[in-house]
């Protein structure tokens, strides 16, 4: 599992005083980008940054997240890895601790994408290995 600490901004709140749906989707993105682009590149896996698309997104709210100046904890794990897609699960806690209540559970299906051809592509074996090691804690299927 990968853990990202993300700080909701004042502008993420809606008129009801909690983070709205569109902003929550952005916070999920902010949680996965450092992993897929930063950590992956440092590990020698730079292809993610050349093209990755969200194929499907599902967000389920258990409790509102209120912007109070503290970070929220976003746990990201790998549910499914196929040759041309990966499903990531997210557990979002209302504060920085794993003991803070779970406010949101979500998942995204991501697909590697070749921007130059405008077509999806398959994950390389290095990409698959990176995802398994960082998000599932295993090294083979």
N, C-alpha and C. Protein backbone atom coordinates (compact mmCIF):
# COMPACT_ATOMS: atom_id res chain seq x y z
N UNK A 1 0.85 -1.18 0.00
CA UNK A 1 0.00 0.00 0.00
C UNK A 1 0.89 1.24 0.00
N UNK A 2 0.47 2.23 -0.73
CA UNK A 2 1.15 3.52 -0.80
C UNK A 2 0.32 4.52 -0.01
N UNK A 3 0.96 5.32 0.82
CA UNK A 3 0.25 6.33 1.61
C UNK A 3 0.69 7.71 1.17
N UNK A 4 -0.29 8.54 0.85
CA UNK A 4 -0.04 9.93 0.49
C UNK A 4 -0.76 10.83 1.49
N UNK A 5 -0.09 11.89 1.87
CA UNK A 5 -0.71 12.89 2.72
C UNK A 5 -1.05 14.08 1.83
N UNK A 6 -2.32 14.43 1.79
CA UNK A 6 -2.81 15.48 0.90
C UNK A 6 -3.53 16.52 1.76
N UNK A 7 -3.27 17.79 1.49
CA UNK A 7 -3.91 18.86 2.26
C UNK A 7 -5.03 19.50 1.44
N UNK A 8 -6.28 19.28 1.85
CA UNK A 8 -7.38 19.99 1.17
C UNK A 8 -7.22 21.50 1.36
N UNK A 9 -7.62 22.23 0.34
CA UNK A 9 -7.51 23.69 0.35
C UNK A 9 -8.86 24.33 0.67
N UNK A 10 -8.80 25.54 1.11
CA UNK A 10 -10.02 26.30 1.40
C UNK A 10 -10.95 26.29 0.19
N UNK A 11 -10.39 26.42 -1.00
CA UNK A 11 -11.20 26.47 -2.22
C UNK A 11 -11.82 25.12 -2.57
N UNK A 12 -11.44 24.05 -1.87
CA UNK A 12 -12.03 22.73 -2.11
C UNK A 12 -13.40 22.58 -1.47
N UNK A 13 -13.74 23.49 -0.56
CA UNK A 13 -15.02 23.39 0.14
C UNK A 13 -16.16 23.91 -0.72
N UNK A 14 -17.33 23.30 -0.52
CA UNK A 14 -18.53 23.81 -1.18
C UNK A 14 -19.33 24.63 -0.16
N UNK A 15 -20.53 25.05 -0.54
CA UNK A 15 -21.33 25.91 0.34
C UNK A 15 -21.75 25.19 1.62
N UNK A 16 -21.65 23.87 1.66
CA UNK A 16 -22.02 23.12 2.85
C UNK A 16 -20.85 22.93 3.81
N UNK A 17 -19.67 23.46 3.45
CA UNK A 17 -18.53 23.43 4.34
C UNK A 17 -17.67 22.18 4.27
N UNK A 18 -17.89 21.34 3.27
CA UNK A 18 -17.04 20.17 3.15
C UNK A 18 -16.50 20.07 1.73
N UNK A 19 -15.50 19.22 1.56
CA UNK A 19 -14.87 19.06 0.24
C UNK A 19 -15.91 18.51 -0.73
N UNK A 20 -16.07 19.19 -1.87
CA UNK A 20 -17.06 18.72 -2.83
C UNK A 20 -16.51 17.60 -3.71
N UNK A 21 -17.40 16.99 -4.47
CA UNK A 21 -17.04 15.79 -5.25
C UNK A 21 -15.91 16.05 -6.25
N UNK A 22 -16.02 17.11 -7.03
CA UNK A 22 -14.99 17.38 -8.04
C UNK A 22 -13.62 17.58 -7.39
N UNK A 23 -13.59 18.25 -6.26
CA UNK A 23 -12.33 18.47 -5.56
C UNK A 23 -11.80 17.18 -4.94
N UNK A 24 -12.70 16.30 -4.49
CA UNK A 24 -12.25 15.01 -3.95
C UNK A 24 -11.56 14.21 -5.04
N UNK A 25 -12.11 14.24 -6.24
CA UNK A 25 -11.48 13.54 -7.36
C UNK A 25 -10.09 14.10 -7.61
N UNK A 26 -9.94 15.41 -7.50
CA UNK A 26 -8.63 16.04 -7.66
C UNK A 26 -7.68 15.61 -6.54
N UNK A 27 -8.16 15.50 -5.32
CA UNK A 27 -7.31 15.06 -4.21
C UNK A 27 -6.85 13.62 -4.41
N UNK A 28 -7.71 12.77 -4.97
CA UNK A 28 -7.29 11.40 -5.29
C UNK A 28 -6.18 11.42 -6.33
N UNK A 29 -6.32 12.30 -7.31
CA UNK A 29 -5.28 12.44 -8.33
C UNK A 29 -3.97 12.91 -7.69
N UNK A 30 -4.06 13.89 -6.80
CA UNK A 30 -2.87 14.40 -6.13
C UNK A 30 -2.20 13.33 -5.28
N UNK A 31 -2.96 12.36 -4.83
CA UNK A 31 -2.39 11.27 -4.05
C UNK A 31 -1.62 10.29 -4.94
N UNK A 32 -2.12 10.01 -6.14
CA UNK A 32 -1.47 9.00 -6.98
C UNK A 32 -0.37 9.56 -7.88
N UNK A 33 -0.40 10.84 -8.23
CA UNK A 33 0.59 11.41 -9.15
C UNK A 33 2.02 11.28 -8.63
N UNK A 34 2.31 11.60 -7.36
CA UNK A 34 3.69 11.43 -6.89
C UNK A 34 4.20 10.00 -7.01
N UNK A 35 3.31 9.04 -6.84
CA UNK A 35 3.70 7.64 -6.97
C UNK A 35 3.97 7.28 -8.42
N UNK A 36 3.01 7.52 -9.29
CA UNK A 36 3.11 7.07 -10.68
C UNK A 36 4.10 7.87 -11.51
N UNK A 37 4.33 9.11 -11.14
CA UNK A 37 5.24 9.93 -11.93
C UNK A 37 6.56 10.15 -11.20
N UNK A 38 6.52 10.53 -9.93
CA UNK A 38 7.75 10.81 -9.19
C UNK A 38 8.49 9.56 -8.78
N UNK A 39 7.85 8.73 -7.94
CA UNK A 39 8.53 7.52 -7.46
C UNK A 39 8.85 6.56 -8.60
N UNK A 40 7.95 6.44 -9.55
CA UNK A 40 8.20 5.54 -10.69
C UNK A 40 9.43 6.00 -11.46
N UNK A 41 9.53 7.30 -11.73
CA UNK A 41 10.68 7.82 -12.47
C UNK A 41 11.97 7.57 -11.70
N UNK A 42 11.95 7.78 -10.39
CA UNK A 42 13.14 7.53 -9.58
C UNK A 42 13.52 6.05 -9.58
N UNK A 43 12.54 5.19 -9.79
CA UNK A 43 12.79 3.75 -9.86
C UNK A 43 13.16 3.30 -11.27
N UNK A 44 13.29 4.26 -12.20
CA UNK A 44 13.65 3.93 -13.58
C UNK A 44 12.49 3.56 -14.46
N UNK A 45 11.27 3.85 -14.00
CA UNK A 45 10.06 3.56 -14.77
C UNK A 45 9.44 4.90 -15.15
N UNK A 46 9.84 5.43 -16.30
CA UNK A 46 9.43 6.78 -16.68
C UNK A 46 8.26 6.83 -17.66
N UNK A 47 7.79 5.68 -18.13
CA UNK A 47 6.75 5.67 -19.16
C UNK A 47 5.38 6.15 -18.66
N UNK A 48 5.08 5.99 -17.37
CA UNK A 48 3.79 6.44 -16.84
C UNK A 48 3.57 7.92 -17.15
N UNK A 49 4.61 8.72 -16.99
CA UNK A 49 4.50 10.16 -17.19
C UNK A 49 4.25 10.53 -18.64
N UNK A 50 4.45 9.61 -19.55
CA UNK A 50 4.22 9.89 -20.97
C UNK A 50 2.77 9.67 -21.39
N UNK A 51 1.99 9.08 -20.52
CA UNK A 51 0.58 8.88 -20.85
C UNK A 51 -0.10 7.85 -19.97
N UNK A 52 -1.11 8.32 -19.25
CA UNK A 52 -1.91 7.45 -18.41
C UNK A 52 -3.30 8.09 -18.36
N UNK A 53 -4.34 7.31 -18.61
CA UNK A 53 -5.70 7.86 -18.59
C UNK A 53 -6.56 7.13 -17.57
N UNK A 54 -7.50 7.86 -17.01
CA UNK A 54 -8.49 7.27 -16.11
C UNK A 54 -9.63 6.74 -17.00
N UNK A 55 -9.85 5.45 -16.93
CA UNK A 55 -10.89 4.80 -17.72
C UNK A 55 -12.21 4.81 -16.96
N UNK A 56 -12.11 4.65 -15.65
CA UNK A 56 -13.31 4.56 -14.82
C UNK A 56 -12.98 5.09 -13.43
N UNK A 57 -13.96 5.72 -12.80
CA UNK A 57 -13.78 6.28 -11.47
C UNK A 57 -15.04 6.04 -10.66
N UNK A 58 -14.87 5.62 -9.42
CA UNK A 58 -16.00 5.43 -8.52
C UNK A 58 -15.62 5.99 -7.16
N UNK A 59 -16.49 6.81 -6.60
CA UNK A 59 -16.22 7.43 -5.30
C UNK A 59 -17.43 7.20 -4.40
N UNK A 60 -17.17 6.67 -3.20
CA UNK A 60 -18.23 6.41 -2.23
C UNK A 60 -17.91 7.18 -0.96
N UNK A 61 -18.88 7.99 -0.52
CA UNK A 61 -18.68 8.84 0.65
C UNK A 61 -19.29 8.19 1.88
N UNK A 62 -18.49 8.15 2.95
CA UNK A 62 -18.97 7.65 4.23
C UNK A 62 -19.20 8.79 5.22
N UNK A 63 -18.42 9.87 5.03
CA UNK A 63 -18.52 11.04 5.91
C UNK A 63 -17.91 12.22 5.17
N UNK A 64 -18.33 13.44 5.48
CA UNK A 64 -17.73 14.60 4.82
C UNK A 64 -16.31 14.84 5.30
N UNK A 65 -15.52 15.44 4.43
CA UNK A 65 -14.19 15.91 4.82
C UNK A 65 -14.28 17.42 4.91
N UNK A 66 -13.93 17.95 6.07
CA UNK A 66 -13.99 19.38 6.33
C UNK A 66 -12.57 19.94 6.22
N UNK A 67 -12.43 21.07 5.57
CA UNK A 67 -11.12 21.71 5.45
C UNK A 67 -10.84 22.41 6.78
N UNK A 68 -9.84 21.89 7.50
CA UNK A 68 -9.50 22.46 8.80
C UNK A 68 -8.00 22.71 8.94
N UNK A 69 -7.28 22.71 7.81
CA UNK A 69 -5.86 22.99 7.83
C UNK A 69 -4.97 21.77 7.97
N UNK A 70 -5.55 20.61 8.26
CA UNK A 70 -4.71 19.43 8.40
C UNK A 70 -4.76 18.57 7.14
N UNK A 71 -3.75 17.74 7.01
CA UNK A 71 -3.70 16.82 5.88
C UNK A 71 -4.67 15.67 6.10
N UNK A 72 -5.05 15.04 5.00
CA UNK A 72 -5.82 13.82 5.07
C UNK A 72 -4.93 12.68 4.57
N UNK A 73 -5.18 11.50 5.06
CA UNK A 73 -4.40 10.32 4.70
C UNK A 73 -5.13 9.58 3.57
N UNK A 74 -4.40 9.34 2.47
CA UNK A 74 -4.97 8.60 1.34
C UNK A 74 -4.12 7.35 1.15
N UNK A 75 -4.73 6.21 1.37
CA UNK A 75 -4.06 4.93 1.18
C UNK A 75 -4.44 4.39 -0.19
N UNK A 76 -3.44 4.04 -0.98
CA UNK A 76 -3.66 3.57 -2.35
C UNK A 76 -3.12 2.14 -2.44
N UNK A 77 -3.95 1.26 -2.97
CA UNK A 77 -3.52 -0.13 -3.15
C UNK A 77 -3.96 -0.64 -4.52
N UNK A 78 -3.33 -1.70 -4.93
CA UNK A 78 -3.60 -2.31 -6.23
C UNK A 78 -4.60 -3.45 -6.05
N UNK A 79 -5.76 -3.32 -6.67
CA UNK A 79 -6.75 -4.38 -6.61
C UNK A 79 -6.59 -5.36 -7.75
N UNK A 80 -6.33 -4.83 -8.96
CA UNK A 80 -6.28 -5.68 -10.14
C UNK A 80 -5.24 -5.13 -11.11
N UNK A 81 -4.43 -6.01 -11.66
CA UNK A 81 -3.44 -5.61 -12.65
C UNK A 81 -3.60 -6.49 -13.88
N UNK A 82 -3.93 -5.86 -14.96
CA UNK A 82 -4.07 -6.56 -16.24
C UNK A 82 -2.98 -6.05 -17.17
N UNK A 83 -2.91 -6.59 -18.37
CA UNK A 83 -1.85 -6.17 -19.28
C UNK A 83 -2.03 -4.73 -19.77
N UNK A 84 -3.28 -4.24 -19.84
CA UNK A 84 -3.51 -2.89 -20.34
C UNK A 84 -4.34 -2.04 -19.40
N UNK A 85 -4.47 -2.44 -18.14
CA UNK A 85 -5.19 -1.61 -17.17
C UNK A 85 -4.82 -2.04 -15.75
N UNK A 86 -5.04 -1.13 -14.83
CA UNK A 86 -4.83 -1.41 -13.41
C UNK A 86 -5.94 -0.74 -12.63
N UNK A 87 -6.45 -1.43 -11.63
CA UNK A 87 -7.47 -0.86 -10.76
C UNK A 87 -6.82 -0.52 -9.43
N UNK A 88 -6.89 0.75 -9.06
CA UNK A 88 -6.36 1.22 -7.79
C UNK A 88 -7.51 1.49 -6.83
N UNK A 89 -7.36 1.05 -5.60
CA UNK A 89 -8.32 1.35 -4.54
C UNK A 89 -7.76 2.43 -3.65
N UNK A 90 -8.64 3.30 -3.16
CA UNK A 90 -8.26 4.40 -2.28
C UNK A 90 -9.09 4.32 -1.01
N UNK A 91 -8.44 4.51 0.12
CA UNK A 91 -9.13 4.69 1.39
C UNK A 91 -8.68 6.04 1.91
N UNK A 92 -9.63 6.95 2.08
CA UNK A 92 -9.32 8.31 2.48
C UNK A 92 -9.79 8.52 3.92
N UNK A 93 -8.84 8.81 4.79
CA UNK A 93 -9.16 9.09 6.18
C UNK A 93 -9.38 10.59 6.36
N UNK A 94 -10.23 10.96 7.30
CA UNK A 94 -10.58 12.36 7.50
C UNK A 94 -9.47 13.18 8.14
N UNK A 95 -8.40 12.54 8.52
CA UNK A 95 -7.24 13.22 9.10
C UNK A 95 -5.97 12.49 8.70
N UNK A 96 -4.85 12.84 9.35
CA UNK A 96 -3.55 12.28 8.94
C UNK A 96 -3.24 10.88 9.45
N UNK A 97 -4.03 10.37 10.37
CA UNK A 97 -3.72 9.08 11.00
C UNK A 97 -4.56 7.96 10.41
N UNK A 98 -4.00 6.77 10.41
CA UNK A 98 -4.75 5.59 9.99
C UNK A 98 -5.90 5.32 10.96
N UNK A 99 -5.83 5.90 12.15
CA UNK A 99 -6.91 5.75 13.13
C UNK A 99 -8.04 6.74 12.93
N UNK A 100 -7.83 7.76 12.10
CA UNK A 100 -8.90 8.71 11.80
C UNK A 100 -9.98 8.00 10.99
N UNK A 101 -11.23 8.43 11.15
CA UNK A 101 -12.32 7.75 10.45
C UNK A 101 -12.13 7.76 8.93
N UNK A 102 -12.61 6.68 8.30
CA UNK A 102 -12.61 6.61 6.84
C UNK A 102 -13.77 7.46 6.33
N UNK A 103 -13.45 8.44 5.51
CA UNK A 103 -14.46 9.33 4.96
C UNK A 103 -14.86 8.96 3.54
N UNK A 104 -13.91 8.42 2.78
CA UNK A 104 -14.15 8.12 1.37
C UNK A 104 -13.45 6.82 1.00
N UNK A 105 -14.12 6.00 0.21
CA UNK A 105 -13.46 4.88 -0.46
C UNK A 105 -13.72 5.08 -1.95
N UNK A 106 -12.71 4.81 -2.73
CA UNK A 106 -12.82 5.07 -4.17
C UNK A 106 -11.98 4.07 -4.93
N UNK A 107 -12.19 4.03 -6.23
CA UNK A 107 -11.31 3.24 -7.09
C UNK A 107 -11.24 3.89 -8.46
N UNK A 108 -10.11 3.68 -9.11
CA UNK A 108 -9.94 4.13 -10.48
C UNK A 108 -9.38 2.98 -11.29
N UNK A 109 -9.83 2.90 -12.53
CA UNK A 109 -9.21 2.00 -13.50
C UNK A 109 -8.36 2.90 -14.38
N UNK A 110 -7.06 2.62 -14.43
CA UNK A 110 -6.11 3.40 -15.21
C UNK A 110 -5.60 2.56 -16.37
N UNK A 111 -5.34 3.23 -17.47
CA UNK A 111 -4.76 2.54 -18.62
C UNK A 111 -3.57 3.34 -19.14
N UNK A 112 -2.47 2.65 -19.45
CA UNK A 112 -1.35 3.35 -20.08
C UNK A 112 -1.76 3.78 -21.47
N UNK A 113 -1.27 4.94 -21.86
CA UNK A 113 -1.74 5.55 -23.11
C UNK A 113 -0.54 6.13 -23.86
N UNK A 114 -0.49 5.88 -25.15
CA UNK A 114 0.57 6.42 -25.99
C UNK A 114 0.06 7.71 -26.63
N UNK A 115 0.49 8.83 -26.11
CA UNK A 115 0.02 10.13 -26.59
C UNK A 115 0.39 10.34 -28.05
N UNK A 116 1.54 9.86 -28.47
CA UNK A 116 1.99 10.09 -29.85
C UNK A 116 1.10 9.39 -30.88
N UNK A 117 0.56 8.22 -30.53
CA UNK A 117 -0.32 7.50 -31.47
C UNK A 117 -1.80 7.71 -31.15
N UNK A 118 -2.07 8.25 -29.95
CA UNK A 118 -3.46 8.44 -29.56
C UNK A 118 -4.16 7.12 -29.26
N UNK A 119 -3.40 6.13 -28.77
CA UNK A 119 -3.96 4.81 -28.52
C UNK A 119 -3.50 4.26 -27.17
N UNK A 120 -4.34 3.41 -26.59
CA UNK A 120 -3.88 2.72 -25.38
C UNK A 120 -2.71 1.81 -25.72
N UNK A 121 -1.95 1.45 -24.71
CA UNK A 121 -0.84 0.51 -24.89
C UNK A 121 -0.85 -0.46 -23.73
N UNK A 122 0.02 -1.44 -23.77
CA UNK A 122 0.15 -2.39 -22.67
C UNK A 122 1.20 -1.88 -21.68
N UNK A 123 1.05 -2.29 -20.43
CA UNK A 123 2.09 -2.01 -19.45
C UNK A 123 3.34 -2.79 -19.83
N UNK A 124 4.49 -2.18 -19.60
CA UNK A 124 5.74 -2.92 -19.75
C UNK A 124 5.90 -3.82 -18.52
N UNK A 125 6.78 -4.77 -18.60
CA UNK A 125 7.01 -5.65 -17.44
C UNK A 125 7.58 -4.85 -16.26
N UNK A 126 8.42 -3.85 -16.54
CA UNK A 126 8.95 -2.99 -15.47
C UNK A 126 7.83 -2.22 -14.78
N UNK A 127 6.87 -1.72 -15.55
CA UNK A 127 5.73 -1.00 -14.97
C UNK A 127 4.90 -1.93 -14.10
N UNK A 128 4.65 -3.12 -14.60
CA UNK A 128 3.86 -4.10 -13.85
C UNK A 128 4.57 -4.45 -12.53
N UNK A 129 5.86 -4.65 -12.61
CA UNK A 129 6.65 -4.97 -11.41
C UNK A 129 6.59 -3.81 -10.40
N UNK A 130 6.74 -2.59 -10.89
CA UNK A 130 6.67 -1.42 -10.02
C UNK A 130 5.33 -1.36 -9.30
N UNK A 131 4.24 -1.52 -10.04
CA UNK A 131 2.91 -1.46 -9.43
C UNK A 131 2.71 -2.57 -8.40
N UNK A 132 3.14 -3.76 -8.72
CA UNK A 132 3.01 -4.88 -7.78
C UNK A 132 3.82 -4.63 -6.52
N UNK A 133 5.05 -4.19 -6.68
CA UNK A 133 5.91 -3.97 -5.51
C UNK A 133 5.42 -2.82 -4.63
N UNK A 134 5.04 -1.71 -5.24
CA UNK A 134 4.66 -0.53 -4.47
C UNK A 134 3.24 -0.58 -3.90
N UNK A 135 2.35 -1.29 -4.60
CA UNK A 135 0.94 -1.22 -4.19
C UNK A 135 0.35 -2.53 -3.70
N UNK A 136 0.98 -3.64 -4.05
CA UNK A 136 0.42 -4.93 -3.63
C UNK A 136 1.36 -5.71 -2.74
N UNK A 137 2.62 -5.25 -2.67
CA UNK A 137 3.57 -5.93 -1.81
C UNK A 137 4.01 -7.28 -2.32
N UNK A 138 3.85 -7.52 -3.62
CA UNK A 138 4.28 -8.80 -4.17
C UNK A 138 5.12 -8.55 -5.41
N UNK A 139 5.80 -9.56 -5.88
CA UNK A 139 6.68 -9.37 -7.01
C UNK A 139 6.32 -10.20 -8.22
N UNK A 140 5.32 -11.09 -8.11
CA UNK A 140 4.87 -11.79 -9.31
C UNK A 140 3.40 -12.10 -9.21
N UNK A 141 2.78 -12.36 -10.38
CA UNK A 141 1.32 -12.54 -10.46
C UNK A 141 0.82 -13.69 -9.67
